[in-house]
Protein backbone atom coordinates (compact mmCIF):
# COMPACT_ATOMS: atom_id res chain seq x y z
CA MET A 1 181.58 82.92 112.47
CA ILE A 2 181.86 79.85 114.69
CA PRO A 3 183.59 77.09 112.63
CA GLN A 4 180.90 74.52 113.37
CA VAL A 5 178.17 76.91 112.23
CA ALA A 6 180.09 77.78 109.08
CA ALA A 7 180.53 74.10 108.28
CA PHE A 8 176.83 73.46 108.84
CA LEU A 9 175.81 76.33 106.55
CA LEU A 10 178.23 75.17 103.86
CA GLY A 11 176.84 71.66 104.03
CA LEU A 12 173.28 72.96 103.87
CA SER A 13 174.04 75.09 100.81
CA MET A 14 175.62 72.13 99.05
CA ALA A 15 172.53 69.99 99.74
CA LEU A 16 170.12 72.48 98.18
CA PRO A 17 169.53 72.46 94.42
CA VAL A 18 171.44 75.05 92.46
CA THR A 19 169.02 77.56 91.02
CA ALA A 20 168.99 80.85 89.14
CA GLN A 21 167.84 84.36 89.85
CA ASP A 22 166.02 84.78 86.53
CA VAL A 23 165.41 81.54 84.60
CA LEU A 24 165.65 77.87 85.56
CA VAL A 25 165.41 75.50 82.59
CA ILE A 26 164.70 71.86 83.48
CA GLY A 27 164.96 69.35 80.66
CA GLU A 28 163.35 65.93 80.50
CA VAL A 29 162.89 62.70 78.64
CA HIS A 30 159.18 63.13 78.15
CA ASP A 31 157.97 59.72 79.34
CA ASN A 32 160.24 59.34 82.38
CA PRO A 33 158.25 59.96 85.59
CA ALA A 34 161.41 60.42 87.65
CA HIS A 35 162.35 63.39 85.50
CA HIS A 36 159.00 65.03 86.16
CA ALA A 37 159.40 64.42 89.88
CA VAL A 38 162.71 66.30 89.72
CA GLN A 39 161.03 69.14 87.84
CA ALA A 40 158.29 69.41 90.45
CA GLY A 41 160.86 69.45 93.24
CA ARG A 42 162.97 72.12 91.59
CA VAL A 43 159.91 74.25 90.88
CA GLU A 44 158.81 73.95 94.50
CA HIS A 45 162.27 75.03 95.66
CA LEU A 46 162.49 77.96 93.24
CA LYS A 47 158.97 79.28 93.85
CA PRO A 48 158.86 80.93 90.42
CA SER A 49 156.52 83.71 89.43
CA ALA A 50 155.86 81.90 86.15
CA ILE A 51 156.24 78.47 84.57
CA VAL A 52 156.65 78.07 80.81
CA PHE A 53 155.59 74.71 79.38
CA GLU A 54 156.76 73.44 76.00
CA MET A 55 153.69 71.16 76.08
CA LEU A 56 151.03 73.89 76.13
CA THR A 57 149.88 76.40 73.55
CA PRO A 58 149.22 79.92 74.87
CA ALA A 59 145.49 79.22 74.51
CA GLN A 60 145.77 76.09 76.67
CA ALA A 61 147.86 77.92 79.25
CA ALA A 62 145.16 80.57 79.55
CA ARG A 63 142.71 77.86 80.67
CA VAL A 64 144.73 77.09 83.80
CA THR A 65 142.81 78.70 86.66
CA PRO A 66 143.42 78.53 90.42
CA ALA A 67 140.25 76.48 90.79
CA LEU A 68 141.48 73.87 88.33
CA ARG A 69 145.06 73.76 89.53
CA GLY A 70 144.52 71.26 92.32
CA ASP A 71 142.06 69.03 90.44
CA ARG A 72 144.08 66.75 88.22
CA ALA A 73 141.19 65.29 86.24
CA ALA A 74 139.51 68.65 85.68
CA LEU A 75 142.75 70.33 84.61
CA GLU A 76 143.60 67.46 82.26
CA ALA A 77 140.17 67.78 80.64
CA ALA A 78 140.41 71.57 80.36
CA LEU A 79 143.75 71.24 78.59
CA ASP A 80 142.51 68.49 76.22
CA TRP A 81 145.63 66.65 77.32
CA GLY A 82 144.34 63.29 76.19
CA GLU A 83 144.35 64.50 72.58
CA SER A 84 147.75 66.14 72.79
CA GLY A 85 150.03 63.15 72.30
CA TRP A 86 152.07 63.95 75.41
CA PRO A 87 152.64 61.25 78.07
CA ASP A 88 150.32 60.64 81.03
CA PHE A 89 149.21 63.91 82.63
CA ALA A 90 149.67 62.35 86.06
CA MET A 91 153.41 62.88 85.59
CA TYR A 92 153.03 66.58 84.78
CA HIS A 93 150.31 67.60 87.23
CA PRO A 94 152.62 67.88 90.29
CA ILE A 95 154.58 70.60 88.45
CA PHE A 96 151.42 72.73 88.28
CA THR A 97 150.82 72.34 92.03
CA ALA A 98 154.46 72.77 93.09
CA ALA A 99 154.13 76.55 92.70
CA PRO A 100 150.38 77.19 92.88
CA GLU A 101 150.72 80.98 92.58
CA ALA A 102 152.93 80.88 89.48
CA ALA A 103 151.45 82.12 86.21
CA ILE A 104 151.35 79.47 83.46
CA TYR A 105 152.66 80.20 79.96
CA GLY A 106 152.51 78.00 76.88
CA ALA A 107 155.09 77.84 74.10
CA LEU A 108 153.94 74.89 72.01
CA VAL A 109 154.22 75.28 68.23
CA PRO A 110 151.23 73.43 66.71
CA ARG A 111 152.03 70.90 64.00
CA ALA A 112 150.35 72.94 61.27
CA LYS A 113 152.43 75.99 62.10
CA ALA A 114 155.57 73.90 62.28
CA ARG A 115 154.90 72.42 58.84
CA ALA A 116 154.32 75.91 57.44
CA VAL A 117 158.02 76.62 57.98
CA LEU A 118 158.78 74.32 55.06
CA GLU A 119 156.93 76.62 52.66
CA ALA A 120 156.96 80.09 54.24
CA GLY A 121 160.47 79.94 55.67
CA LEU A 122 161.76 80.25 59.21
CA ALA A 123 161.72 84.03 59.74
CA ALA A 124 158.32 84.52 58.14
CA SER A 125 156.80 81.71 60.20
CA PHE A 126 158.06 83.23 63.43
CA GLY A 127 156.87 86.72 62.59
CA PRO A 128 158.10 90.08 63.92
CA ASP A 129 161.41 90.12 65.79
CA ALA A 130 162.74 87.06 63.94
CA GLY A 131 166.10 88.80 63.81
CA ARG A 132 166.17 89.32 67.55
CA PHE A 133 165.85 85.57 68.00
CA GLY A 134 168.48 84.71 65.39
CA LEU A 135 166.09 83.32 62.78
CA ASP A 136 167.05 85.68 59.97
CA HIS A 137 170.32 83.98 59.13
CA PRO A 138 171.47 80.40 58.47
CA LEU A 139 173.44 78.32 60.94
CA SER A 140 177.13 77.71 60.48
CA VAL A 141 177.92 74.77 58.21
CA ASP A 142 179.24 72.70 61.12
CA GLU A 143 176.19 73.30 63.31
CA GLN A 144 173.79 72.66 60.45
CA GLU A 145 175.48 69.35 59.67
CA ALA A 146 175.53 68.33 63.34
CA ARG A 147 171.85 69.15 63.76
CA GLU A 148 170.89 67.25 60.64
CA ALA A 149 172.86 64.24 61.82
CA MET A 150 171.03 64.34 65.15
CA GLN A 151 167.67 64.50 63.41
CA MET A 152 168.60 61.52 61.26
CA ALA A 153 169.73 59.51 64.29
CA ALA A 154 166.58 60.47 66.21
CA HIS A 155 164.54 59.06 63.34
CA CYS A 156 166.50 55.81 63.18
CA ASP A 157 168.35 56.72 59.94
CA ALA A 158 165.08 56.11 58.11
CA ILE A 159 164.12 59.50 56.66
CA PRO A 160 165.15 61.16 53.38
CA ASP A 161 168.12 63.51 53.54
CA ALA A 162 166.12 66.15 51.69
CA ILE A 163 163.79 66.83 54.62
CA LEU A 164 166.53 67.27 57.23
CA PRO A 165 167.04 71.04 56.71
CA GLY A 166 163.34 71.63 57.23
CA MET A 167 163.36 69.57 60.41
CA VAL A 168 166.25 71.64 61.75
CA ASP A 169 164.31 74.83 60.94
CA ILE A 170 161.30 73.51 62.86
CA GLN A 171 163.53 72.83 65.87
CA ARG A 172 164.93 76.36 65.68
CA LEU A 173 161.40 77.76 65.49
CA ARG A 174 160.36 75.85 68.61
CA ASP A 175 163.46 77.04 70.49
CA ALA A 176 162.74 80.65 69.53
CA VAL A 177 159.07 80.44 70.50
CA LEU A 178 160.12 79.06 73.88
CA ALA A 179 162.60 81.91 74.33
CA ARG A 180 159.96 84.47 73.38
CA ALA A 181 157.54 83.02 75.93
CA VAL A 182 160.20 83.19 78.65
CA ILE A 183 160.84 86.85 77.90
CA GLU A 184 157.11 87.55 77.99
CA ALA A 185 156.84 85.78 81.35
CA LEU A 186 159.78 87.74 82.75
CA GLU A 187 158.36 91.06 81.60
CA GLU A 188 154.87 90.36 82.90
CA THR A 189 155.73 88.72 86.24
CA GLY A 190 159.22 89.94 87.06
CA GLY A 191 160.51 86.36 87.40
CA PRO A 192 161.98 84.06 88.28
CA VAL A 193 160.74 81.77 85.52
CA ALA A 194 160.90 77.97 85.37
CA VAL A 195 160.90 76.29 81.95
CA ILE A 196 159.66 72.72 81.44
CA THR A 197 160.91 71.27 78.18
CA GLY A 198 162.67 68.38 76.50
CA ASN A 199 166.42 68.04 76.76
CA GLY A 200 166.90 68.97 73.11
CA HIS A 201 165.36 72.40 73.66
CA ALA A 202 167.10 72.85 77.02
CA ARG A 203 170.70 72.49 75.84
CA ARG A 204 172.80 75.61 76.36
CA ASP A 205 174.94 75.38 73.25
CA TRP A 206 172.22 75.73 70.61
CA GLY A 207 168.82 75.24 72.28
CA MET A 208 166.45 77.74 73.82
CA PRO A 209 168.94 79.09 76.40
CA ALA A 210 171.34 80.13 73.63
CA ILE A 211 168.60 82.04 71.81
CA LEU A 212 167.29 83.52 75.05
CA SER A 213 170.72 84.73 76.14
CA SER A 214 171.18 86.49 72.81
CA ALA A 215 167.69 88.00 72.71
CA ARG A 216 167.74 89.17 76.34
CA THR A 217 171.27 89.76 77.58
CA GLY A 218 172.32 89.73 81.22
CA LEU A 219 169.97 87.02 82.43
CA ASP A 220 171.02 84.64 85.19
CA LEU A 221 170.17 81.18 83.84
CA HIS A 222 170.66 77.71 85.23
CA VAL A 223 170.07 74.77 82.89
CA VAL A 224 169.39 71.22 84.07
CA GLY A 225 169.49 68.25 81.70
CA GLN A 226 168.14 64.83 82.64
CA THR A 227 169.42 61.54 81.29
CA GLU A 228 168.81 57.86 81.99
CA ASP A 229 171.14 55.18 83.38
CA ASP A 230 174.02 57.69 83.49
CA ARG A 231 174.24 57.81 79.70
CA PRO A 232 176.02 60.86 78.25
CA LEU A 233 173.62 63.64 77.34
CA GLU A 234 174.03 65.43 74.02
CA GLY A 235 174.65 69.14 74.47
CA VAL A 236 175.87 71.52 77.15
CA PHE A 237 174.14 71.86 80.53
CA ASP A 238 175.02 73.43 83.86
CA GLU A 239 173.90 70.27 85.62
CA VAL A 240 172.96 66.76 84.52
CA ILE A 241 170.79 64.42 86.58
CA SER A 242 170.28 60.74 85.85
CA ALA A 243 167.37 58.42 86.61
CA ASP A 244 166.60 54.80 85.82
CA ALA A 245 165.54 54.27 82.23
CA VAL A 246 161.90 53.65 81.43
CA ASP A 247 160.94 50.32 79.91
CA ARG A 248 159.64 51.40 76.50
CA PRO A 249 159.16 49.79 73.09
CA ASP A 250 161.91 50.02 70.50
CA PRO A 251 161.39 53.50 68.95
CA CYS A 252 162.82 52.31 65.63
CA ALA A 253 160.36 49.44 65.23
CA ALA A 254 157.83 51.63 63.43
CA PHE A 255 160.42 52.70 60.85
CA ARG A 256 161.20 49.08 60.00
């Protein structure tokens, strides 16, 4: 190959986003619009066969039709987004239109089902195949303690120690439900699949990708985490992107 051509191709490959053959997981800080812009751009580049949203239940995902896809207000209304508690739909809508042919899957665990974990237990709440997704056994002592410490810090050191194990179980349930939805999307569409979720679920070391890799071996995954103001991001990611922080109220004010 002519050296100049080789150099051009190398430079072009370095300028393109790294992706994956099977699953691209793109984390976020939920209320940062720059993070959602990155997600939309990566989805457009990947051209996935399916997109899995942490923010949607399967029932909501089923309401996404081609006719609604390009109409932001109509899609927002169809999804009852205003009642969901998630940030402004205007930030998420470009992800839906970035790959207009992609099937939409939902993996949201409703609050009532999440709370049921505290009484029914983790495996029973998940249902069949709990063992496949690693929910039939406890975490190691070190990981359990680290997860509980993160939950405490996330809630401004203002919650009782007694509820921390249950909160960790709810997080594990949500990770497993996400992983199950990704497998369903792969089996039904052939992939690739893009996953839109918070950074906590996206982390490779103990989030959804770890459960997915165990439940469905041999997948080619690429995991992107997104931080703000170049702050270190908890967890393991293949790639970390930073954006300017959003001006937001003190999250601990309510606990005081």
